[in-house]
Amino acid sequence: KSDEDQHADVVLTADGRPADNRDFVLDYRLAGEKIESGLMLYKGQGENAENFFLAMVEPPKAVAASAISPRDYIFVVD
């Protein structure tokens, strides 16, 4: 796929101004045929900077039982 196939613009008002006075619902669909994962990192700038990460697991619409590997999840929140 080209970059154009994976890009979307979200416009909340006809005049392009932010619509910060109400909620909106964004519906989307994942197009992959297998389980995908990703990690995005943000390294803060400056002396007192904080670092952040976002871990993503994106399942397709239907997952075959054979595609799911055994796992244990341990979440540590500090």
Protein backbone atom coordinates (compact mmCIF):
# COMPACT_ATOMS: atom_id res chain seq x y z
CA LYS A 1 0.00 0.00 0.00
CA SER A 2 1.09 3.54 -0.56
CA ASP A 3 1.22 6.17 2.18
CA GLU A 4 -1.99 7.64 0.78
CA ASP A 5 -3.83 4.38 1.56
CA GLN A 6 -2.79 4.60 5.22
CA HIS A 7 -3.54 8.28 5.86
CA ALA A 8 -6.70 9.83 7.20
CA ASP A 9 -7.72 13.38 8.05
CA VAL A 10 -10.28 14.03 10.77
CA VAL A 11 -12.20 17.29 10.38
CA LEU A 12 -14.63 18.09 13.16
CA THR A 13 -16.17 21.27 11.80
CA ALA A 14 -16.95 22.54 8.34
CA ASP A 15 -14.80 25.65 8.82
CA GLY A 16 -11.77 23.69 10.10
CA ARG A 17 -11.76 25.23 13.60
CA PRO A 18 -11.28 22.93 16.62
CA ALA A 19 -14.52 21.53 18.01
CA ASP A 20 -13.38 21.45 21.61
CA ASN A 21 -16.84 21.85 23.10
CA ARG A 22 -18.09 18.31 22.44
CA ASP A 23 -17.05 14.67 22.19
CA PHE A 24 -16.64 12.74 18.97
CA VAL A 25 -16.50 9.04 18.12
CA LEU A 26 -13.82 7.75 15.79
CA ASP A 27 -14.58 4.34 14.25
CA TYR A 28 -11.81 2.56 12.39
CA ARG A 29 -11.01 -0.92 11.14
CA LEU A 30 -7.67 -2.71 11.07
CA ALA A 31 -6.83 -4.14 7.67
CA GLY A 32 -4.24 -6.77 8.61
CA GLU A 33 -4.74 -10.51 8.36
CA LYS A 34 -2.54 -11.43 11.34
CA ILE A 35 -1.84 -10.15 14.85
CA GLU A 36 0.48 -7.13 14.69
CA SER A 37 2.27 -5.31 17.48
CA GLY A 38 4.13 -2.06 17.75
CA LEU A 39 5.89 0.24 20.17
CA MET A 40 6.12 4.02 20.02
CA LEU A 41 8.61 5.84 22.24
CA TYR A 42 8.75 9.50 23.23
CA LYS A 43 11.93 10.79 24.80
CA GLY A 44 11.37 14.02 26.70
CA GLN A 45 13.59 17.05 26.29
CA GLY A 46 15.32 19.04 29.00
CA GLU A 47 16.58 18.52 32.52
CA ASN A 48 13.32 17.30 34.12
CA ALA A 49 11.99 15.53 31.06
CA GLU A 50 9.78 12.46 31.29
CA ASN A 51 9.83 9.60 28.82
CA PHE A 52 6.69 7.81 27.62
CA PHE A 53 5.82 4.76 25.54
CA LEU A 54 2.76 3.27 23.88
CA ALA A 55 2.59 -0.48 23.28
CA MET A 56 0.00 -1.65 20.75
CA VAL A 57 -1.39 -5.08 19.88
CA GLU A 58 -3.69 -5.02 16.87
CA PRO A 59 -5.74 -8.15 16.20
CA PRO A 60 -7.51 -8.78 12.90
CA LYS A 61 -11.28 -9.19 12.78
CA ALA A 62 -11.04 -12.94 13.43
CA VAL A 63 -8.06 -14.76 14.92
CA ALA A 64 -7.50 -18.48 14.44
CA ALA A 65 -6.79 -20.32 17.69
CA SER A 66 -3.53 -21.63 16.21
CA ALA A 67 -2.29 -18.04 15.75
CA ILE A 68 -2.55 -17.27 19.48
CA SER A 69 0.61 -18.19 21.35
CA PRO A 70 0.55 -19.08 25.05
CA ARG A 71 1.28 -16.05 27.21
CA ASP A 72 1.31 -14.50 30.64
CA TYR A 73 0.87 -10.78 31.14
CA ILE A 74 2.46 -8.88 33.98
CA PHE A 75 1.67 -5.17 34.23
CA VAL A 76 3.87 -3.02 36.43
CA VAL A 77 2.63 0.53 36.90
CA ASP A 78 4.83 2.94 38.79
